[in-house]
Amino acid sequence: MFIRKLTSTDAFVAIDLADVAGTGVVRCAPKILQGGAKDLARSTTYALAVLERRETGISAGINAAPDGRDTAVAAFVAEVAGWDVDYRLVAAKGVDTGSLEAIESAAATVPDAVLLAVGAVAAGLTACPDAGTAVVDGSAGPELTAELTARGLVVIDAEQPLTAEADLLFVGSKVGAIDHEVADQLRVRAVVPTGPLPLTTRAVAHCRRSGVLALPDFVTTAGPLIGDADASRDAVTDVISSVVGHADGPVLAACERAEAFLAGWQTELPFGRPMAV
């Protein structure tokens, strides 16, 4: 993992693996933390690996006040487009869709929010095929509710979704949203991430101890990387099916699957698995 800083504007790109094509997001705010960007890059690397794509996860941050955002984004795009490496980014927080121009990933025919919902719901139903109820934290938007309803699940309206009773909990509001203390209060059969790193390492361990299936976020959120709804369902279902019954739990099993692929083309594995501290 390394940081490549730009010279034309206050921005950087966190790059997990050197000398390979990369895919990731770019965010803009007055202050984007490099640590968080590194975490996003590592999670994306593992997502790409479980999809058997020889690419690195990347994550870019542009530090700019709202009134200087457009100028900063334009400078960022111009400089990165001149780099001698194939990095493709999608607009995330603070960056307008379509503003990345020459460095933007090819647009999917289906919106990312729909692809995210499709993959996440497929993951939840693969882990718990007989699930009938779900609770959501709102992070994935109305597309998730629509997909759940379309698949026959009842979405429970809960003021405190993290402690509500249901078969499936969809959560992704922030990194580390579920720590070990919250994990001990869960009243669901499975936790399905809809954003990066919502469970801490200790939370994953506590879920395993209490019989709650904590699913790997880098698998459940992989839909936008795939770009097609049917392919997203199929790919996520395949991965979750292969890890859900693992003795060490789905998260560690998915990490091992990603690492087995990475070992086939990298001389060294990246240090540190994609889990929140």
C-alpha atoms as a PDB file:
ATOM      1  CA  MET A   1       0.000   0.000   0.000  1.00  0.00           C
ATOM      2  CA  PHE A   2       1.309   3.422  -0.886  1.00  0.00           C
ATOM      3  CA  ILE A   3       0.088   6.975  -1.359  1.00  0.00           C
ATOM      4  CA  ARG A   4       0.708   8.883  -4.565  1.00  0.00           C
ATOM      5  CA  LYS A   5       0.254  12.617  -4.066  1.00  0.00           C
ATOM      6  CA  LEU A   6      -0.709  14.992  -6.823  1.00  0.00           C
ATOM      7  CA  THR A   7       1.211  18.171  -7.629  1.00  0.00           C
ATOM      8  CA  SER A   8      -1.525  20.195  -9.344  1.00  0.00           C
ATOM      9  CA  THR A   9      -4.003  20.154  -6.460  1.00  0.00           C
ATOM     10  CA  ASP A  10      -4.288  18.961  -2.851  1.00  0.00           C
ATOM     11  CA  ALA A  11      -5.172  15.355  -3.579  1.00  0.00           C
ATOM     12  CA  PHE A  12      -3.834  11.812  -3.392  1.00  0.00           C
ATOM     13  CA  VAL A  13      -4.492   8.259  -4.533  1.00  0.00           C
ATOM     14  CA  ALA A  14      -4.126   5.305  -2.172  1.00  0.00           C
ATOM     15  CA  ILE A  15      -2.848   2.359  -4.213  1.00  0.00           C
ATOM     16  CA  ASP A  16      -2.782  -1.149  -2.793  1.00  0.00           C
ATOM     17  CA  LEU A  17      -0.744  -3.104  -5.349  1.00  0.00           C
ATOM     18  CA  ALA A  18       1.929  -1.586  -7.567  1.00  0.00           C
ATOM     19  CA  ASP A  19       2.262  -1.802 -11.335  1.00  0.00           C
ATOM     20  CA  VAL A  20      -1.195  -3.116 -12.182  1.00  0.00           C
ATOM     21  CA  ALA A  21      -4.451  -1.605 -13.399  1.00  0.00           C
ATOM     22  CA  GLY A  22      -6.652  -0.229 -10.634  1.00  0.00           C
ATOM     23  CA  THR A  23     -10.295   0.378  -9.816  1.00  0.00           C
ATOM     24  CA  GLY A  24     -11.817   2.428  -7.016  1.00  0.00           C
ATOM     25  CA  VAL A  25     -13.579   5.602  -5.926  1.00  0.00           C
ATOM     26  CA  VAL A  26     -12.687   9.269  -5.650  1.00  0.00           C
ATOM     27  CA  ARG A  27     -14.112  11.466  -2.883  1.00  0.00           C
ATOM     28  CA  CYS A  28     -13.901  15.215  -2.310  1.00  0.00           C
ATOM     29  CA  ALA A  29     -14.245  17.108   0.972  1.00  0.00           C
ATOM     30  CA  PRO A  30     -12.314  19.742   2.927  1.00  0.00           C
ATOM     31  CA  LYS A  31     -10.301  16.909   4.478  1.00  0.00           C
ATOM     32  CA  ILE A  32     -10.140  13.324   3.214  1.00  0.00           C
ATOM     33  CA  LEU A  33      -8.167  11.095   5.572  1.00  0.00           C
ATOM     34  CA  GLN A  34      -5.505   8.894   4.019  1.00  0.00           C
ATOM     35  CA  GLY A  35      -6.159   6.103   6.522  1.00  0.00           C
ATOM     36  CA  GLY A  36      -9.750   5.756   5.424  1.00  0.00           C
ATOM     37  CA  ALA A  37      -8.704   5.811   1.786  1.00  0.00           C
ATOM     38  CA  LYS A  38      -6.245   2.995   2.419  1.00  0.00           C
ATOM     39  CA  ASP A  39      -8.998   0.932   4.034  1.00  0.00           C
ATOM     40  CA  LEU A  40     -11.247   1.451   1.010  1.00  0.00           C
ATOM     41  CA  ALA A  41      -8.443   0.497  -1.357  1.00  0.00           C
ATOM     42  CA  ARG A  42      -7.738  -2.743   0.530  1.00  0.00           C
ATOM     43  CA  SER A  43     -11.427  -3.691   0.608  1.00  0.00           C
ATOM     44  CA  THR A  44     -11.642  -3.125  -3.145  1.00  0.00           C
ATOM     45  CA  THR A  45      -8.543  -5.240  -3.752  1.00  0.00           C
ATOM     46  CA  TYR A  46     -10.188  -8.161  -1.954  1.00  0.00           C
ATOM     47  CA  ALA A  47     -13.445  -7.617  -3.858  1.00  0.00           C
ATOM     48  CA  LEU A  48     -11.597  -7.706  -7.159  1.00  0.00           C
ATOM     49  CA  ALA A  49      -9.718 -10.815  -6.037  1.00  0.00           C
ATOM     50  CA  VAL A  50     -12.840 -12.805  -5.160  1.00  0.00           C
ATOM     51  CA  LEU A  51     -14.098 -11.850  -8.618  1.00  0.00           C
ATOM     52  CA  GLU A  52     -10.779 -13.174  -9.997  1.00  0.00           C
ATOM     53  CA  ARG A  53      -9.717  -9.879 -11.543  1.00  0.00           C
ATOM     54  CA  ARG A  54      -6.014  -9.069 -11.637  1.00  0.00           C
ATOM     55  CA  GLU A  55      -6.375  -5.488 -10.508  1.00  0.00           C
ATOM     56  CA  THR A  56      -5.596  -3.389  -7.468  1.00  0.00           C
ATOM     57  CA  GLY A  57      -8.001  -1.500  -5.317  1.00  0.00           C
ATOM     58  CA  ILE A  58      -7.415   2.243  -5.288  1.00  0.00           C
ATOM     59  CA  SER A  59      -9.080   5.108  -3.452  1.00  0.00           C
ATOM     60  CA  ALA A  60      -8.582   8.799  -4.175  1.00  0.00           C
ATOM     61  CA  GLY A  61      -9.164  11.841  -2.023  1.00  0.00           C
ATOM     62  CA  ILE A  62      -9.409  15.470  -3.128  1.00  0.00           C
ATOM     63  CA  ASN A  63      -9.112  18.036  -0.342  1.00  0.00           C
ATOM     64  CA  ALA A  64     -11.118  21.106  -1.342  1.00  0.00           C
ATOM     65  CA  ALA A  65     -13.690  23.475   0.079  1.00  0.00           C
ATOM     66  CA  PRO A  66     -17.096  23.510  -1.683  1.00  0.00           C
ATOM     67  CA  ASP A  67     -16.342  26.709  -3.581  1.00  0.00           C
ATOM     68  CA  GLY A  68     -13.125  25.248  -4.983  1.00  0.00           C
ATOM     69  CA  ARG A  69     -14.367  21.746  -5.651  1.00  0.00           C
ATOM     70  CA  ASP A  70     -14.901  21.978  -9.421  1.00  0.00           C
ATOM     71  CA  THR A  71     -11.444  23.450 -10.022  1.00  0.00           C
ATOM     72  CA  ALA A  72      -9.805  20.842  -7.790  1.00  0.00           C
ATOM     73  CA  VAL A  73     -11.632  17.931  -9.436  1.00  0.00           C
ATOM     74  CA  ALA A  74     -10.711  19.188 -12.909  1.00  0.00           C
ATOM     75  CA  ALA A  75      -7.045  19.462 -11.926  1.00  0.00           C
ATOM     76  CA  PHE A  76      -7.154  15.983 -10.394  1.00  0.00           C
ATOM     77  CA  VAL A  77      -8.612  14.452 -13.563  1.00  0.00           C
ATOM     78  CA  ALA A  78      -6.099  16.164 -15.835  1.00  0.00           C
ATOM     79  CA  GLU A  79      -3.114  15.008 -13.796  1.00  0.00           C
ATOM     80  CA  VAL A  80      -4.198  11.404 -13.198  1.00  0.00           C
ATOM     81  CA  ALA A  81      -5.137  11.011 -16.871  1.00  0.00           C
ATOM     82  CA  GLY A  82      -1.478  11.695 -17.677  1.00  0.00           C
ATOM     83  CA  TRP A  83      -0.142   8.942 -15.434  1.00  0.00           C
ATOM     84  CA  ASP A  84       1.361   5.943 -17.187  1.00  0.00           C
ATOM     85  CA  VAL A  85      -1.010   3.457 -15.530  1.00  0.00           C
ATOM     86  CA  ASP A  86      -4.613   2.393 -16.074  1.00  0.00           C
ATOM     87  CA  TYR A  87      -6.571   3.662 -13.069  1.00  0.00           C
ATOM     88  CA  ARG A  88     -10.342   3.850 -13.374  1.00  0.00           C
ATOM     89  CA  LEU A  89     -12.381   5.677 -10.757  1.00  0.00           C
ATOM     90  CA  VAL A  90     -16.033   6.280  -9.995  1.00  0.00           C
ATOM     91  CA  ALA A  91     -17.439   9.372  -8.366  1.00  0.00           C
ATOM     92  CA  ALA A  92     -18.261   9.026  -4.682  1.00  0.00           C
ATOM     93  CA  LYS A  93     -18.966  11.516  -1.889  1.00  0.00           C
ATOM     94  CA  GLY A  94     -18.513  15.126  -2.986  1.00  0.00           C
ATOM     95  CA  VAL A  95     -17.803  14.356  -6.645  1.00  0.00           C
ATOM     96  CA  ASP A  96     -20.414  14.884  -9.351  1.00  0.00           C
ATOM     97  CA  THR A  97     -21.219  11.954 -11.591  1.00  0.00           C
ATOM     98  CA  GLY A  98     -19.607  12.495 -14.984  1.00  0.00           C
ATOM     99  CA  SER A  99     -16.980  14.943 -13.743  1.00  0.00           C
ATOM    100  CA  LEU A 100     -14.107  12.444 -13.902  1.00  0.00           C
ATOM    101  CA  GLU A 101     -14.102  12.231 -17.693  1.00  0.00           C
ATOM    102  CA  ALA A 102     -10.972  10.446 -18.959  1.00  0.00           C
ATOM    103  CA  ILE A 103     -10.338   8.454 -15.775  1.00  0.00           C
ATOM    104  CA  GLU A 104     -13.906   7.342 -15.117  1.00  0.00           C
ATOM    105  CA  SER A 105     -14.868   3.686 -15.169  1.00  0.00           C
ATOM    106  CA  ALA A 106     -17.186   2.723 -17.981  1.00  0.00           C
ATOM    107  CA  ALA A 107     -20.745   3.491 -16.976  1.00  0.00           C
ATOM    108  CA  ALA A 108     -22.905   0.474 -16.215  1.00  0.00           C
ATOM    109  CA  THR A 109     -26.296   0.169 -17.877  1.00  0.00           C
ATOM    110  CA  VAL A 110     -27.787  -0.267 -14.389  1.00  0.00           C
ATOM    111  CA  PRO A 111     -27.256   2.357 -11.644  1.00  0.00           C
ATOM    112  CA  ASP A 112     -24.717   1.461  -8.966  1.00  0.00           C
ATOM    113  CA  ALA A 113     -27.372   1.724  -6.238  1.00  0.00           C
ATOM    114  CA  VAL A 114     -29.419  -0.965  -7.953  1.00  0.00           C
ATOM    115  CA  LEU A 115     -26.374  -3.201  -8.482  1.00  0.00           C
ATOM    116  CA  LEU A 116     -25.426  -2.792  -4.830  1.00  0.00           C
ATOM    117  CA  ALA A 117     -28.937  -3.761  -3.737  1.00  0.00           C
ATOM    118  CA  VAL A 118     -29.072  -6.753  -6.060  1.00  0.00           C
ATOM    119  CA  GLY A 119     -25.781  -8.161  -4.789  1.00  0.00           C
ATOM    120  CA  ALA A 120     -26.493  -7.493  -1.121  1.00  0.00           C
ATOM    121  CA  VAL A 121     -29.921  -9.133  -1.217  1.00  0.00           C
ATOM    122  CA  ALA A 122     -28.517 -12.109  -3.113  1.00  0.00           C
ATOM    123  CA  ALA A 123     -25.875 -12.473  -0.398  1.00  0.00           C
ATOM    124  CA  GLY A 124     -28.436 -12.333   2.404  1.00  0.00           C
ATOM    125  CA  LEU A 125     -30.735 -14.893   0.790  1.00  0.00           C
ATOM    126  CA  THR A 126     -27.839 -17.202   0.010  1.00  0.00           C
ATOM    127  CA  ALA A 127     -26.789 -17.125   3.669  1.00  0.00           C
ATOM    128  CA  CYS A 128     -30.381 -17.516   4.916  1.00  0.00           C
ATOM    129  CA  PRO A 129     -32.529 -18.977   2.113  1.00  0.00           C
ATOM    130  CA  ASP A 130     -35.655 -19.058   4.272  1.00  0.00           C
ATOM    131  CA  ALA A 131     -35.343 -15.453   5.474  1.00  0.00           C
ATOM    132  CA  GLY A 132     -38.646 -13.603   5.507  1.00  0.00           C
ATOM    133  CA  THR A 133     -37.874 -10.306   7.220  1.00  0.00           C
ATOM    134  CA  ALA A 134     -35.208  -7.641   6.920  1.00  0.00           C
ATOM    135  CA  VAL A 135     -34.238  -4.421   8.649  1.00  0.00           C
ATOM    136  CA  VAL A 136     -32.146  -1.734   6.973  1.00  0.00           C
ATOM    137  CA  ASP A 137     -30.162   1.240   8.257  1.00  0.00           C
ATOM    138  CA  GLY A 138     -30.991   3.409   5.245  1.00  0.00           C
ATOM    139  CA  SER A 139     -27.472   3.518   3.841  1.00  0.00           C
ATOM    140  CA  ALA A 140     -28.347   1.779   0.575  1.00  0.00           C
ATOM    141  CA  GLY A 141     -31.364   3.925  -0.265  1.00  0.00           C
ATOM    142  CA  PRO A 142     -34.773   2.988  -1.648  1.00  0.00           C
ATOM    143  CA  GLU A 143     -33.231   0.639  -4.207  1.00  0.00           C
ATOM    144  CA  LEU A 144     -32.473  -1.865  -1.432  1.00  0.00           C
ATOM    145  CA  THR A 145     -36.016  -1.742  -0.088  1.00  0.00           C
ATOM    146  CA  ALA A 146     -37.359  -2.260  -3.600  1.00  0.00           C
ATOM    147  CA  GLU A 147     -35.107  -5.278  -4.181  1.00  0.00           C
ATOM    148  CA  LEU A 148     -36.030  -6.818  -0.828  1.00  0.00           C
ATOM    149  CA  THR A 149     -39.720  -6.403  -1.562  1.00  0.00           C
ATOM    150  CA  ALA A 150     -39.279  -7.836  -5.042  1.00  0.00           C
ATOM    151  CA  ARG A 151     -37.625 -10.909  -3.532  1.00  0.00           C
ATOM    152  CA  GLY A 152     -40.537 -11.420  -1.135  1.00  0.00           C
ATOM    153  CA  LEU A 153     -39.031 -10.112   2.104  1.00  0.00           C
ATOM    154  CA  VAL A 154     -40.902  -7.917   4.561  1.00  0.00           C
ATOM    155  CA  VAL A 155     -38.935  -4.794   5.486  1.00  0.00           C
ATOM    156  CA  ILE A 156     -39.431  -3.933   9.142  1.00  0.00           C
ATOM    157  CA  ASP A 157     -39.670  -0.265  10.078  1.00  0.00           C
ATOM    158  CA  ALA A 158     -37.404   0.184  13.106  1.00  0.00           C
ATOM    159  CA  GLU A 159     -36.179   3.320  14.852  1.00  0.00           C
ATOM    160  CA  GLN A 160     -33.091   1.402  16.037  1.00  0.00           C
ATOM    161  CA  PRO A 161     -32.276  -1.005  13.180  1.00  0.00           C
ATOM    162  CA  LEU A 162     -29.075  -2.302  14.781  1.00  0.00           C
ATOM    163  CA  THR A 163     -31.026  -3.822  17.673  1.00  0.00           C
ATOM    164  CA  ALA A 164     -34.261  -4.689  15.859  1.00  0.00           C
ATOM    165  CA  GLU A 165     -35.397  -8.279  15.481  1.00  0.00           C
ATOM    166  CA  ALA A 166     -35.380  -9.661  11.941  1.00  0.00           C
ATOM    167  CA  ASP A 167     -33.800 -12.370   9.839  1.00  0.00           C
ATOM    168  CA  LEU A 168     -31.424 -10.056   7.977  1.00  0.00           C
ATOM    169  CA  LEU A 169     -29.782  -6.758   8.914  1.00  0.00           C
ATOM    170  CA  PHE A 170     -28.489  -4.572   6.089  1.00  0.00           C
ATOM    171  CA  VAL A 171     -25.985  -2.030   7.402  1.00  0.00           C
ATOM    172  CA  GLY A 172     -23.372   0.264   5.901  1.00  0.00           C
ATOM    173  CA  SER A 173     -23.890   3.726   7.329  1.00  0.00           C
ATOM    174  CA  LYS A 174     -20.286   4.093   8.476  1.00  0.00           C
ATOM    175  CA  VAL A 175     -17.052   2.216   9.051  1.00  0.00           C
ATOM    176  CA  GLY A 176     -17.231   0.327  12.341  1.00  0.00           C
ATOM    177  CA  ALA A 177     -20.974   0.892  12.775  1.00  0.00           C
ATOM    178  CA  ILE A 178     -21.141  -2.485  14.527  1.00  0.00           C
ATOM    179  CA  ASP A 179     -18.502  -2.940  17.201  1.00  0.00           C
ATOM    180  CA  HIS A 180     -18.302  -5.846  19.643  1.00  0.00           C
ATOM    181  CA  GLU A 181     -20.755  -4.238  22.054  1.00  0.00           C
ATOM    182  CA  VAL A 182     -23.377  -3.685  19.357  1.00  0.00           C
ATOM    183  CA  ALA A 183     -22.692  -7.181  18.024  1.00  0.00           C
ATOM    184  CA  ASP A 184     -23.748  -8.632  21.361  1.00  0.00           C
ATOM    185  CA  GLN A 185     -27.116  -6.865  21.039  1.00  0.00           C
ATOM    186  CA  LEU A 186     -27.948  -8.079  17.544  1.00  0.00           C
ATOM    187  CA  ARG A 187     -31.242  -9.917  17.131  1.00  0.00           C
ATOM    188  CA  VAL A 188     -30.783 -11.107  13.565  1.00  0.00           C
ATOM    189  CA  ARG A 189     -29.562 -14.238  11.837  1.00  0.00           C
ATOM    190  CA  ALA A 190     -27.192 -12.503   9.441  1.00  0.00           C
ATOM    191  CA  VAL A 191     -25.548  -9.111   8.963  1.00  0.00           C
ATOM    192  CA  VAL A 192     -25.319  -8.032   5.330  1.00  0.00           C
ATOM    193  CA  PRO A 193     -23.025  -5.026   4.723  1.00  0.00           C
ATOM    194  CA  THR A 194     -24.143  -2.384   2.233  1.00  0.00           C
ATOM    195  CA  GLY A 195     -21.054  -0.215   2.689  1.00  0.00           C
ATOM    196  CA  PRO A 196     -17.346  -0.675   3.400  1.00  0.00           C
ATOM    197  CA  LEU A 197     -16.142  -2.168   6.680  1.00  0.00           C
ATOM    198  CA  PRO A 198     -19.250  -1.749   8.873  1.00  0.00           C
ATOM    199  CA  LEU A 199     -18.116  -4.453  11.306  1.00  0.00           C
ATOM    200  CA  THR A 200     -15.007  -4.303  13.462  1.00  0.00           C
ATOM    201  CA  THR A 201     -12.714  -7.295  13.785  1.00  0.00           C
ATOM    202  CA  ARG A 202     -13.973  -7.939  17.322  1.00  0.00           C
ATOM    203  CA  ALA A 203     -17.576  -7.636  16.163  1.00  0.00           C
ATOM    204  CA  VAL A 204     -16.994 -10.373  13.587  1.00  0.00           C
ATOM    205  CA  ALA A 205     -15.604 -12.612  16.350  1.00  0.00           C
ATOM    206  CA  HIS A 206     -18.540 -11.860  18.642  1.00  0.00           C
ATOM    207  CA  CYS A 207     -21.021 -12.598  15.845  1.00  0.00           C
ATOM    208  CA  ARG A 208     -19.402 -15.955  15.234  1.00  0.00           C
ATOM    209  CA  ARG A 209     -19.562 -16.784  18.937  1.00  0.00           C
ATOM    210  CA  SER A 210     -23.261 -15.909  19.150  1.00  0.00           C
ATOM    211  CA  GLY A 211     -24.253 -17.659  15.930  1.00  0.00           C
ATOM    212  CA  VAL A 212     -24.879 -14.537  13.829  1.00  0.00           C
ATOM    213  CA  LEU A 213     -23.580 -14.797  10.263  1.00  0.00           C
ATOM    214  CA  ALA A 214     -21.437 -11.733   9.548  1.00  0.00           C
ATOM    215  CA  LEU A 215     -20.989 -11.573   5.790  1.00  0.00           C
ATOM    216  CA  PRO A 216     -17.915 -10.067   4.073  1.00  0.00           C
ATOM    217  CA  ASP A 217     -18.570  -6.511   2.898  1.00  0.00           C
ATOM    218  CA  PHE A 218     -16.171  -6.828  -0.024  1.00  0.00           C
ATOM    219  CA  VAL A 219     -18.461  -9.540  -1.405  1.00  0.00           C
ATOM    220  CA  THR A 220     -21.898  -8.183  -0.508  1.00  0.00           C
ATOM    221  CA  THR A 221     -21.108  -4.775  -2.044  1.00  0.00           C
ATOM    222  CA  ALA A 222     -19.422  -6.092  -5.204  1.00  0.00           C
ATOM    223  CA  GLY A 223     -22.373  -5.475  -7.530  1.00  0.00           C
ATOM    224  CA  PRO A 224     -21.147  -2.120  -8.892  1.00  0.00           C
ATOM    225  CA  LEU A 225     -17.778  -3.689  -9.768  1.00  0.00           C
ATOM    226  CA  ILE A 226     -19.570  -6.286 -11.874  1.00  0.00           C
ATOM    227  CA  GLY A 227     -21.865  -3.880 -13.688  1.00  0.00           C
ATOM    228  CA  ASP A 228     -24.741  -6.209 -14.570  1.00  0.00           C
ATOM    229  CA  ALA A 229     -27.660  -7.207 -12.356  1.00  0.00           C
ATOM    230  CA  ASP A 230     -27.900 -10.889 -13.308  1.00  0.00           C
ATOM    231  CA  ALA A 231     -24.123 -11.323 -13.260  1.00  0.00           C
ATOM    232  CA  SER A 232     -23.991  -9.627  -9.852  1.00  0.00           C
ATOM    233  CA  ARG A 233     -26.560 -12.016  -8.400  1.00  0.00           C
ATOM    234  CA  ASP A 234     -24.721 -15.000  -9.822  1.00  0.00           C
ATOM    235  CA  ALA A 235     -21.237 -13.937  -8.723  1.00  0.00           C
ATOM    236  CA  VAL A 236     -22.223 -12.922  -5.189  1.00  0.00           C
ATOM    237  CA  THR A 237     -24.306 -16.070  -4.759  1.00  0.00           C
ATOM    238  CA  ASP A 238     -21.362 -18.203  -5.875  1.00  0.00           C
ATOM    239  CA  VAL A 239     -18.920 -16.628  -3.426  1.00  0.00           C
ATOM    240  CA  ILE A 240     -21.273 -16.576  -0.443  1.00  0.00           C
ATOM    241  CA  SER A 241     -22.288 -20.190  -1.108  1.00  0.00           C
ATOM    242  CA  SER A 242     -18.643 -21.212  -0.942  1.00  0.00           C
ATOM    243  CA  VAL A 243     -17.890 -19.440   2.355  1.00  0.00           C
ATOM    244  CA  VAL A 244     -21.080 -19.436   4.411  1.00  0.00           C
ATOM    245  CA  GLY A 245     -20.481 -22.854   5.973  1.00  0.00           C
ATOM    246  CA  HIS A 246     -16.777 -22.350   6.717  1.00  0.00           C
ATOM    247  CA  ALA A 247     -15.737 -23.273  10.262  1.00  0.00           C
ATOM    248  CA  ASP A 248     -14.052 -19.903  10.789  1.00  0.00           C
ATOM    249  CA  GLY A 249     -17.011 -17.924   9.457  1.00  0.00           C
ATOM    250  CA  PRO A 250     -17.794 -16.303   6.087  1.00  0.00           C
ATOM    251  CA  VAL A 251     -15.543 -13.251   6.505  1.00  0.00           C
ATOM    252  CA  LEU A 252     -12.324 -15.171   7.103  1.00  0.00           C
ATOM    253  CA  ALA A 253     -13.281 -17.733   4.483  1.00  0.00           C
ATOM    254  CA  ALA A 254     -13.811 -14.994   1.881  1.00  0.00           C
ATOM    255  CA  CYS A 255     -10.472 -13.438   2.842  1.00  0.00           C
ATOM    256  CA  GLU A 256      -8.788 -16.794   2.284  1.00  0.00           C
ATOM    257  CA  ARG A 257     -10.482 -17.146  -1.099  1.00  0.00           C
ATOM    258  CA  ALA A 258      -9.291 -13.697  -2.153  1.00  0.00           C
ATOM    259  CA  GLU A 259      -5.777 -14.369  -0.881  1.00  0.00           C
ATOM    260  CA  ALA A 260      -5.579 -17.672  -2.752  1.00  0.00           C
ATOM    261  CA  PHE A 261      -6.261 -15.806  -5.988  1.00  0.00           C
ATOM    262  CA  LEU A 262      -3.815 -13.016  -5.141  1.00  0.00           C
ATOM    263  CA  ALA A 263      -1.094 -15.575  -4.366  1.00  0.00           C
ATOM    264  CA  GLY A 264      -1.373 -16.816  -7.930  1.00  0.00           C
ATOM    265  CA  TRP A 265      -0.066 -13.576  -9.407  1.00  0.00           C
ATOM    266  CA  GLN A 266       1.487 -11.512  -6.582  1.00  0.00           C
ATOM    267  CA  THR A 267       4.845 -12.359  -5.036  1.00  0.00           C
ATOM    268  CA  GLU A 268       3.635 -11.095  -1.654  1.00  0.00           C
ATOM    269  CA  LEU A 269       0.167 -10.791  -0.176  1.00  0.00           C
ATOM    270  CA  PRO A 270      -0.960  -7.351   1.009  1.00  0.00           C
ATOM    271  CA  PHE A 271      -0.485  -6.960   4.757  1.00  0.00           C
ATOM    272  CA  GLY A 272      -3.723  -6.649   6.703  1.00  0.00           C
ATOM    273  CA  ARG A 273      -7.194  -7.898   5.939  1.00  0.00           C
ATOM    274  CA  PRO A 274     -10.121  -5.559   5.117  1.00  0.00           C
ATOM    275  CA  MET A 275     -11.791  -5.246   8.505  1.00  0.00           C
ATOM    276  CA  ALA A 276     -12.414  -2.203  10.677  1.00  0.00           C
ATOM    277  CA  VAL A 277     -10.349  -1.897  13.846  1.00  0.00           C
END
